[in-house]
Structures are given as structure tokens and as C-alpha cells.
Protein backbone atom coordinates (compact mmCIF):
# COMPACT_ATOMS: atom_id res chain seq x y z
CA UNK A 1 10.42 -26.83 -5.68
CA UNK A 2 11.58 -25.00 -8.42
CA UNK A 3 10.06 -24.72 -11.35
CA UNK A 4 12.45 -22.38 -13.73
CA UNK A 5 14.60 -19.00 -13.49
CA UNK A 6 14.31 -16.86 -15.67
CA UNK A 7 17.74 -14.31 -15.68
CA UNK A 8 16.04 -10.81 -16.71
CA UNK A 9 17.20 -9.85 -19.97
CA UNK A 10 20.04 -6.57 -19.78
CA UNK A 11 19.36 -3.86 -21.75
CA UNK A 12 21.34 -0.27 -22.06
CA UNK A 13 18.75 2.78 -23.28
CA UNK A 14 21.89 4.72 -23.57
CA UNK A 15 22.39 5.71 -19.41
CA UNK A 16 19.37 3.94 -17.86
CA UNK A 17 19.05 0.09 -18.16
CA UNK A 18 16.20 -1.84 -18.89
CA UNK A 19 15.66 -5.67 -17.69
CA UNK A 20 13.15 -8.19 -19.15
CA UNK A 21 11.87 -10.69 -17.93
CA UNK A 22 8.52 -11.71 -18.83
CA UNK A 23 7.67 -12.96 -21.20
CA UNK A 24 9.99 -16.04 -21.61
CA UNK A 25 10.33 -18.13 -24.82
CA UNK A 26 9.54 -21.06 -22.37
CA UNK A 27 7.52 -19.02 -20.00
CA UNK A 28 5.76 -15.98 -20.87
CA UNK A 29 2.84 -16.37 -18.07
CA UNK A 30 2.41 -16.11 -14.59
CA UNK A 31 -1.21 -16.22 -14.13
CA UNK A 32 -2.44 -12.63 -15.19
CA UNK A 33 1.10 -12.10 -15.47
CA UNK A 34 2.12 -11.65 -19.40
CA UNK A 35 5.65 -8.31 -19.53
CA UNK A 36 7.43 -8.10 -16.56
CA UNK A 37 10.48 -5.59 -16.31
CA UNK A 38 12.34 -3.78 -14.30
CA UNK A 39 13.42 0.05 -14.26
CA UNK A 40 17.00 1.10 -13.38
CA UNK A 41 18.67 1.37 -11.09
CA UNK A 42 19.81 4.31 -12.69
CA UNK A 43 21.06 7.60 -11.03
CA UNK A 44 20.66 10.55 -13.87
CA UNK A 45 23.27 12.94 -13.64
CA UNK A 46 21.12 16.55 -14.21
CA UNK A 47 19.95 18.30 -16.97
CA UNK A 48 20.37 13.70 -18.75
CA UNK A 49 17.45 12.40 -20.93
CA UNK A 50 15.73 10.53 -18.50
CA UNK A 51 12.39 8.14 -19.64
CA UNK A 52 10.98 9.35 -22.28
CA UNK A 53 8.63 7.72 -24.23
CA UNK A 54 6.64 9.22 -26.38
CA UNK A 55 1.92 8.59 -26.17
CA UNK A 56 2.07 4.94 -27.35
CA UNK A 57 -1.37 2.09 -27.52
CA UNK A 58 -2.16 -0.68 -25.82
CA UNK A 59 -5.35 -3.27 -25.49
CA UNK A 60 -6.21 -6.54 -23.61
CA UNK A 61 -4.89 -5.35 -20.61
CA UNK A 62 -3.31 -3.52 -17.47
CA UNK A 63 -0.22 -1.82 -16.45
CA UNK A 64 1.41 -1.05 -12.88
CA UNK A 65 4.29 0.75 -12.20
CA UNK A 66 5.67 0.30 -9.21
CA UNK A 67 8.73 2.38 -7.92
CA UNK A 68 11.49 1.97 -6.11
CA UNK A 69 13.36 5.47 -6.48
CA UNK A 70 12.61 8.91 -8.31
CA UNK A 71 9.66 9.20 -10.51
CA UNK A 72 8.20 9.17 -13.47
CA UNK A 73 5.20 11.31 -15.46
CA UNK A 74 2.37 9.84 -16.58
CA UNK A 75 -0.80 11.48 -19.68
CA UNK A 76 -3.46 9.40 -21.53
CA UNK A 77 -6.28 10.50 -23.53
CA UNK A 78 -8.91 10.41 -21.02
CA UNK A 79 -7.40 13.19 -19.93
CA UNK A 80 -4.91 13.11 -16.25
CA UNK A 81 -2.18 13.67 -15.58
CA UNK A 82 -0.94 12.35 -12.80
CA UNK A 83 2.68 12.04 -11.72
CA UNK A 84 3.61 9.06 -9.66
CA UNK A 85 6.53 8.26 -6.73
CA UNK A 86 7.90 5.12 -4.86
CA UNK A 87 4.95 3.15 -2.61
CA UNK A 88 2.73 5.04 -5.38
CA UNK A 89 0.54 2.90 -7.55
CA UNK A 90 -0.26 3.73 -11.37
CA UNK A 91 -3.16 1.03 -12.53
CA UNK A 92 -4.28 1.85 -15.84
CA UNK A 93 -6.61 -1.17 -17.44
CA UNK A 94 -6.42 -0.09 -21.11
CA UNK A 95 -9.84 -2.23 -21.83
CA UNK A 96 -10.87 -2.24 -25.84
CA UNK A 97 -7.77 0.84 -26.23
CA UNK A 98 -5.72 3.52 -24.61
CA UNK A 99 -3.13 6.49 -25.17
CA UNK A 100 -0.16 7.26 -22.58
CA UNK A 101 2.76 8.42 -22.94
CA UNK A 102 5.93 8.15 -19.57
CA UNK A 103 8.20 11.31 -18.94
CA UNK A 104 10.99 12.34 -16.02
CA UNK A 105 9.38 16.31 -15.56
CA UNK A 106 11.25 18.67 -17.17
CA UNK A 107 12.19 19.96 -13.33
CA UNK A 108 13.11 16.64 -12.65
CA UNK A 109 15.19 15.84 -15.06
CA UNK A 110 16.76 19.54 -14.45
CA UNK A 111 18.02 18.35 -11.20
CA UNK A 112 18.40 14.48 -11.61
CA UNK A 113 18.29 11.87 -8.97
CA UNK A 114 17.80 8.38 -8.81
CA UNK A 115 15.40 5.86 -10.87
CA UNK A 116 14.69 2.20 -10.42
CA UNK A 117 11.35 0.24 -10.27
CA UNK A 118 9.22 -1.33 -12.03
CA UNK A 119 6.63 -1.94 -14.93
CA UNK A 120 4.22 -4.93 -15.28
CA UNK A 121 1.59 -5.98 -17.57
CA UNK A 122 -1.84 -8.12 -16.55
CA UNK A 123 -3.49 -9.48 -19.40
CA UNK A 124 -7.92 -9.27 -19.07
CA UNK A 125 -9.91 -11.88 -19.20
CA UNK A 126 -11.74 -13.13 -21.65
CA UNK A 127 -15.52 -11.25 -20.10
CA UNK A 128 -12.36 -7.72 -19.37
CA UNK A 129 -10.59 -7.26 -22.75
CA UNK A 130 -12.85 -5.33 -24.55
CA UNK A 131 -14.02 -2.57 -21.45
CA UNK A 132 -13.55 0.76 -21.62
CA UNK A 133 -9.71 2.57 -20.83
CA UNK A 134 -9.65 4.05 -16.46
CA UNK A 135 -6.65 4.89 -14.28
CA UNK A 136 -6.24 4.87 -11.16
CA UNK A 137 -3.55 6.50 -8.94
CA UNK A 138 -2.90 5.12 -5.75
CA UNK A 139 -1.31 6.64 -2.34
CA UNK A 140 0.63 4.43 -0.36
CA UNK A 141 -2.33 3.99 2.29
CA UNK A 142 -3.93 1.79 -0.46
CA UNK A 143 -1.93 -0.38 -0.20
CA UNK A 144 -2.01 -2.91 2.94
CA UNK A 145 1.49 -2.96 5.05
CA UNK A 146 3.33 -5.14 7.93
CA UNK A 147 6.20 -4.88 9.08
CA UNK A 148 8.03 -6.47 12.11
CA UNK A 149 11.76 -8.35 13.15
CA UNK A 150 13.47 -6.90 9.19
CA UNK A 151 10.67 -7.47 7.59
CA UNK A 152 8.60 -4.59 5.43
CA UNK A 153 5.79 -6.08 2.88
CA UNK A 154 3.42 -4.27 0.95
CA UNK A 155 0.57 -5.48 -1.03
CA UNK A 156 1.14 -3.68 -3.99
CA UNK A 157 -2.02 -5.13 -5.68
CA UNK A 158 -4.85 -8.13 -5.27
CA UNK A 159 -5.28 -10.17 -2.25
CA UNK A 160 -2.80 -12.48 0.31
CA UNK A 161 -1.93 -13.20 3.32
CA UNK A 162 -5.51 -12.59 4.32
CA UNK A 163 -5.78 -8.70 2.88
CA UNK A 164 -6.66 -6.41 -0.07
CA UNK A 165 -5.73 -3.93 -1.96
CA UNK A 166 -7.04 -1.21 -3.47
CA UNK A 167 -5.60 -1.02 -6.91
CA UNK A 168 -9.06 -2.86 -9.43
CA UNK A 169 -8.38 -6.14 -11.04
CA UNK A 170 -10.25 -8.17 -13.03
CA UNK A 171 -8.53 -11.33 -11.73
CA UNK A 172 -7.19 -13.08 -8.89
CA UNK A 173 -3.82 -12.59 -8.53
CA UNK A 174 -1.03 -10.66 -6.43
CA UNK A 175 1.68 -8.69 -6.82
CA UNK A 176 4.09 -7.26 -3.14
CA UNK A 177 6.84 -5.98 -2.25
CA UNK A 178 9.55 -7.16 0.73
CA UNK A 179 12.14 -5.60 1.71
CA UNK A 180 14.34 -8.09 4.26
CA UNK A 181 17.11 -7.26 6.45
CA UNK A 182 20.22 -9.98 6.05
CA UNK A 183 18.97 -12.68 7.85
CA UNK A 184 14.78 -12.28 7.57
CA UNK A 185 13.23 -15.21 6.55
CA UNK A 186 9.47 -15.77 4.71
CA UNK A 187 7.33 -17.54 2.90
CA UNK A 188 4.80 -16.39 -0.58
CA UNK A 189 1.54 -17.11 -0.49
CA UNK A 190 -0.77 -20.83 -0.44
CA UNK A 191 0.39 -21.97 -4.10
CA UNK A 192 -2.19 -24.45 -5.14
CA UNK A 193 -3.58 -26.70 -2.92
CA UNK A 194 -3.65 -24.89 -0.68
CA UNK A 195 -6.25 -22.94 -0.74
CA UNK A 196 -3.83 -20.50 -2.46
CA UNK A 197 -2.86 -19.34 -6.22
CA UNK A 198 -2.16 -21.27 -8.73
CA UNK A 199 0.63 -19.60 -10.20
CA UNK A 200 3.86 -17.78 -8.22
CA UNK A 201 7.23 -16.37 -8.83
CA UNK A 202 8.99 -14.17 -6.83
CA UNK A 203 11.39 -11.76 -8.82
CA UNK A 204 14.64 -9.91 -7.33
CA UNK A 205 14.85 -6.21 -7.18
CA UNK A 206 18.43 -6.40 -5.57
CA UNK A 207 20.63 -8.56 -3.00
CA UNK A 208 20.32 -12.04 -3.65
CA UNK A 209 18.06 -14.41 -1.62
CA UNK A 210 18.06 -18.00 -0.60
CA UNK A 211 15.06 -20.32 -1.16
CA UNK A 212 15.96 -23.79 -0.66
CA UNK A 213 19.48 -25.09 -1.46
CA UNK A 214 19.68 -22.79 -4.37
CA UNK A 215 21.21 -18.92 -4.09
CA UNK A 216 19.73 -16.18 -6.69
CA UNK A 217 20.25 -12.70 -7.58
CA UNK A 218 19.42 -10.00 -8.40
CA UNK A 219 17.58 -10.22 -12.02
CA UNK A 220 16.17 -13.23 -11.23
CA UNK A 221 13.39 -14.70 -11.27
CA UNK A 222 11.87 -18.20 -9.43
CA UNK A 223 8.59 -19.84 -10.96
CA UNK A 224 8.01 -22.05 -7.70
CA UNK A 225 6.04 -25.33 -8.54
CA UNK A 226 2.59 -25.07 -8.01
CA UNK A 227 1.55 -27.07 -4.69
CA UNK A 228 5.94 -26.09 -3.96
CA UNK A 229 5.15 -24.39 0.17
CA UNK A 230 9.47 -22.41 0.13
CA UNK A 231 10.64 -20.97 2.79
CA UNK A 232 12.48 -17.94 1.21
CA UNK A 233 16.15 -15.99 3.60
CA UNK A 234 18.24 -13.11 3.07
CA UNK A 235 21.57 -13.32 2.49
CA UNK A 236 22.15 -9.62 1.87
CA UNK A 237 19.79 -6.27 2.29
CA UNK A 238 17.08 -7.80 -0.49
CA UNK A 239 14.06 -6.92 -2.60
CA UNK A 240 12.20 -9.15 -4.14
CA UNK A 241 8.52 -8.35 -6.45
CA UNK A 242 6.44 -11.42 -5.23
CA UNK A 243 3.48 -11.99 -7.80
CA UNK A 244 0.58 -15.00 -9.39
CA UNK A 245 -2.67 -15.82 -9.83
CA UNK A 246 -4.86 -17.79 -11.55
CA UNK A 247 -4.49 -17.89 -15.81
CA UNK A 248 -6.98 -16.31 -17.72
CA UNK A 249 -6.05 -18.92 -20.92
CA UNK A 250 -3.76 -17.89 -24.13
CA UNK A 251 -2.82 -14.58 -24.90
CA UNK A 252 -1.26 -12.99 -28.97
CA UNK A 253 0.79 -10.03 -27.70
CA UNK A 254 2.13 -7.44 -30.57
CA UNK A 255 3.87 -4.77 -29.13
CA UNK A 256 2.27 -3.51 -27.02
CA UNK A 257 -1.32 -4.99 -27.58
CA UNK A 258 -2.94 -8.14 -26.00
CA UNK A 259 -5.18 -9.99 -26.99
CA UNK A 260 -7.08 -13.66 -27.03
CA UNK A 261 -7.93 -13.57 -31.29
CA UNK A 262 -5.50 -11.76 -33.55
CA UNK A 263 -8.30 -10.33 -35.19
CA UNK A 264 -8.42 -7.29 -31.79
CA UNK A 265 -4.77 -7.21 -33.03
CA UNK A 266 -5.26 -6.31 -36.23
CA UNK A 267 -7.78 -3.76 -35.42
CA UNK A 268 -5.71 -2.21 -32.65
CA UNK A 269 -2.96 -2.15 -35.13
CA UNK A 270 -4.87 0.04 -38.14
CA UNK A 271 -6.68 2.30 -36.09
CA UNK A 272 -3.69 2.89 -34.09
CA UNK A 273 -2.08 3.33 -37.70
CA UNK A 274 -5.34 5.10 -39.83
CA UNK A 275 -4.91 7.79 -36.40
CA UNK A 276 -7.80 7.03 -34.68
CA UNK A 277 -6.66 6.61 -31.14
CA UNK A 278 -6.66 9.47 -29.98
CA UNK A 279 -3.69 10.96 -28.69
CA UNK A 280 -2.91 12.27 -24.80
CA UNK A 281 -3.83 15.57 -24.27
CA UNK A 282 -1.11 16.75 -22.58
CA UNK A 283 1.12 15.43 -24.44
CA UNK A 284 0.04 15.28 -27.97
CA UNK A 285 3.08 16.53 -30.38
CA UNK A 286 4.85 12.76 -31.31
CA UNK A 287 4.11 9.15 -30.81
CA UNK A 288 5.46 6.38 -30.91
CA UNK A 289 4.92 4.58 -35.00
CA UNK A 290 3.15 1.73 -35.52
CA UNK A 291 6.59 -1.22 -36.23
CA UNK A 292 7.16 -2.51 -39.54
CA UNK A 293 4.81 -5.50 -38.35
CA UNK A 294 5.17 -8.90 -39.06
CA UNK A 295 2.88 -11.31 -40.73
CA UNK A 296 1.15 -12.50 -37.50
CA UNK A 297 1.19 -12.27 -33.51
CA UNK A 298 3.35 -15.31 -32.11
CA UNK A 299 1.19 -16.58 -28.63
CA UNK A 300 5.06 -17.83 -28.48
CA UNK A 301 7.02 -15.25 -29.23
CA UNK A 302 11.45 -15.17 -28.48
CA UNK A 303 12.68 -12.97 -25.93
CA UNK A 304 12.08 -9.01 -28.05
CA UNK A 305 14.92 -6.66 -26.01
CA UNK A 306 13.42 -2.65 -25.76
CA UNK A 307 14.88 -0.37 -27.69
CA UNK A 308 14.93 3.66 -26.98
CA UNK A 309 11.41 4.06 -28.40
CA UNK A 310 9.75 1.03 -26.48
CA UNK A 311 7.81 1.67 -23.85
CA UNK A 312 9.22 0.68 -20.07
């Protein structure tokens, strides 16, 4: 029933913890999901530095930012300046190249408050790797939701349970937010062989759940076998992200770049280093420089812990 369990690698960034789940050394992707971080939970004091990620580039992927608490301000070089709040979605498609930053609004920084959310990277299929970049902000009304008997479920992106979210995905996938009261039982979308997605996983963002006869806690991802049809039981009040989809093929990942070829990554590195990718108009006074580079992008990298300058 369970193929693999992945423990998030926690890193303290100075009063703010990030837990990296994907990529993992023995499991780089789940469907098209190639990167998954849990941001927080944290409580920022008034005036404290919160989210402060300088402008940086991406290629070959879509980023999906989703919050349980707090707010992040997005700026990009397409001209979008957009706050994201709990229950909303920022979906940014890099395609052939985009630059963005993620900051805490100065007013919110002055008052402090909580921060807790998820950021996922979704690798684009071959035919979409070099599309024009785009940005979409979607409110709660763009995401089908269900609530009954202690279960709240929101379809953040993709298709599941006969519903479809408004996020403009490029390949078959689903991404679901569950809020479960103690004792509630439910099940993820069907797997391969039942008309469902071939790769699926559950990530416990808060609380504890039971899958089969095993217990899993906050910070653990449960990768399911393709044909497994498990029942999930909440042992305490729990927040779970359910994700999956169809693979898009092998992908290289280096820094913020995802691609099907080394040539694409090399070109993106050269473009950023040479200043050929413009900065966001509302945030153009600084940027994250190209890191010291290894010889080649790695098809199966060891887990890389986030640094204070890393995008989250």
C-alpha cells in the first residue's frame, strides 16, 4: 500500500523554518510535482524579517503557492504585483523564463503575525517547456470545495472527485487541501488501474493520520503504491495536502531551473549571469546572483537544504 515515506528536512532560516520534501534522493518527483516545501508554521514579531526572497529566475516549471495563514507579496517581470492570502492560489508558469520575488508587505511586517503554507513546483511537459511565461491569481471561488461531517476538502489545482479547479495546468494532476477533524475517515483519488492518476502522495502539514495500520505525523509524506486504495483516518485535527498526477518524463533540476535537457539549463544560467532576464519593475534594486555552479545539472540530486537566499 505504501511505497515510501519521506520526512521533510527542516531548516531554520532565522526565526522561520522551511521543510523540504521534494526532491528526495530516492524519489525525485510525484507525477509532475518536482519540488515541495512547507513554509512554517511561524509567528513573526512586529518588525521582524519574515518572507524576504529577492528576485530570482525560473524556467521549465509552474510554481504553486498556497497559504494556510499569513500573506506573501509576489512581484514578477511580467508586471504582476499580487498579494496571496489563505485559500487563494498564485500559479506562475515560467515556461521559457520568468523572474519574481516573494516578500512580506511592509505594513504586515510592521504588525507581525503568523505564516504557514506550501509551495510546489510542477514540471512542465515537453511541449510546454518553452511557452511564454504567465501568472494567474485565483481566489477561493475558483477552487471547488466540499465540507461534511468534519471533513473539509478544497481542490486547489487539477481534477479529482469529478471536479475541476480553475488553475490552468499543463498536464494531468491533482492538488487537494484536506482539513480533518479527529476520527474522520476519507480516501485520496483513485490510483492507476481504477481510472485515476498513476502517482499519488499524502503530505501531513499538521496533526497525525493513520493509513492502513501505520501512523504518520506532521512533516511526513506518504507515497502510495500505484494501485493502492487506502482509507485515511485523522487521529487528531489534521491538515493534509494530497497530490499526484501523471509523470512528464525525466527532468534535470539545477537551482531554480527545471528542464528536459542540459542545454536549456546552460542557456538559462548564461542569460541570468549576463543580465538578459529583466527584474520585476516593482522590485529591481537587488537580485539573487547565480550560485557557484557544479559541472552539470543532476538528474537525481541529493537533497539540498534551503539557505536564507533560497526561494521558498
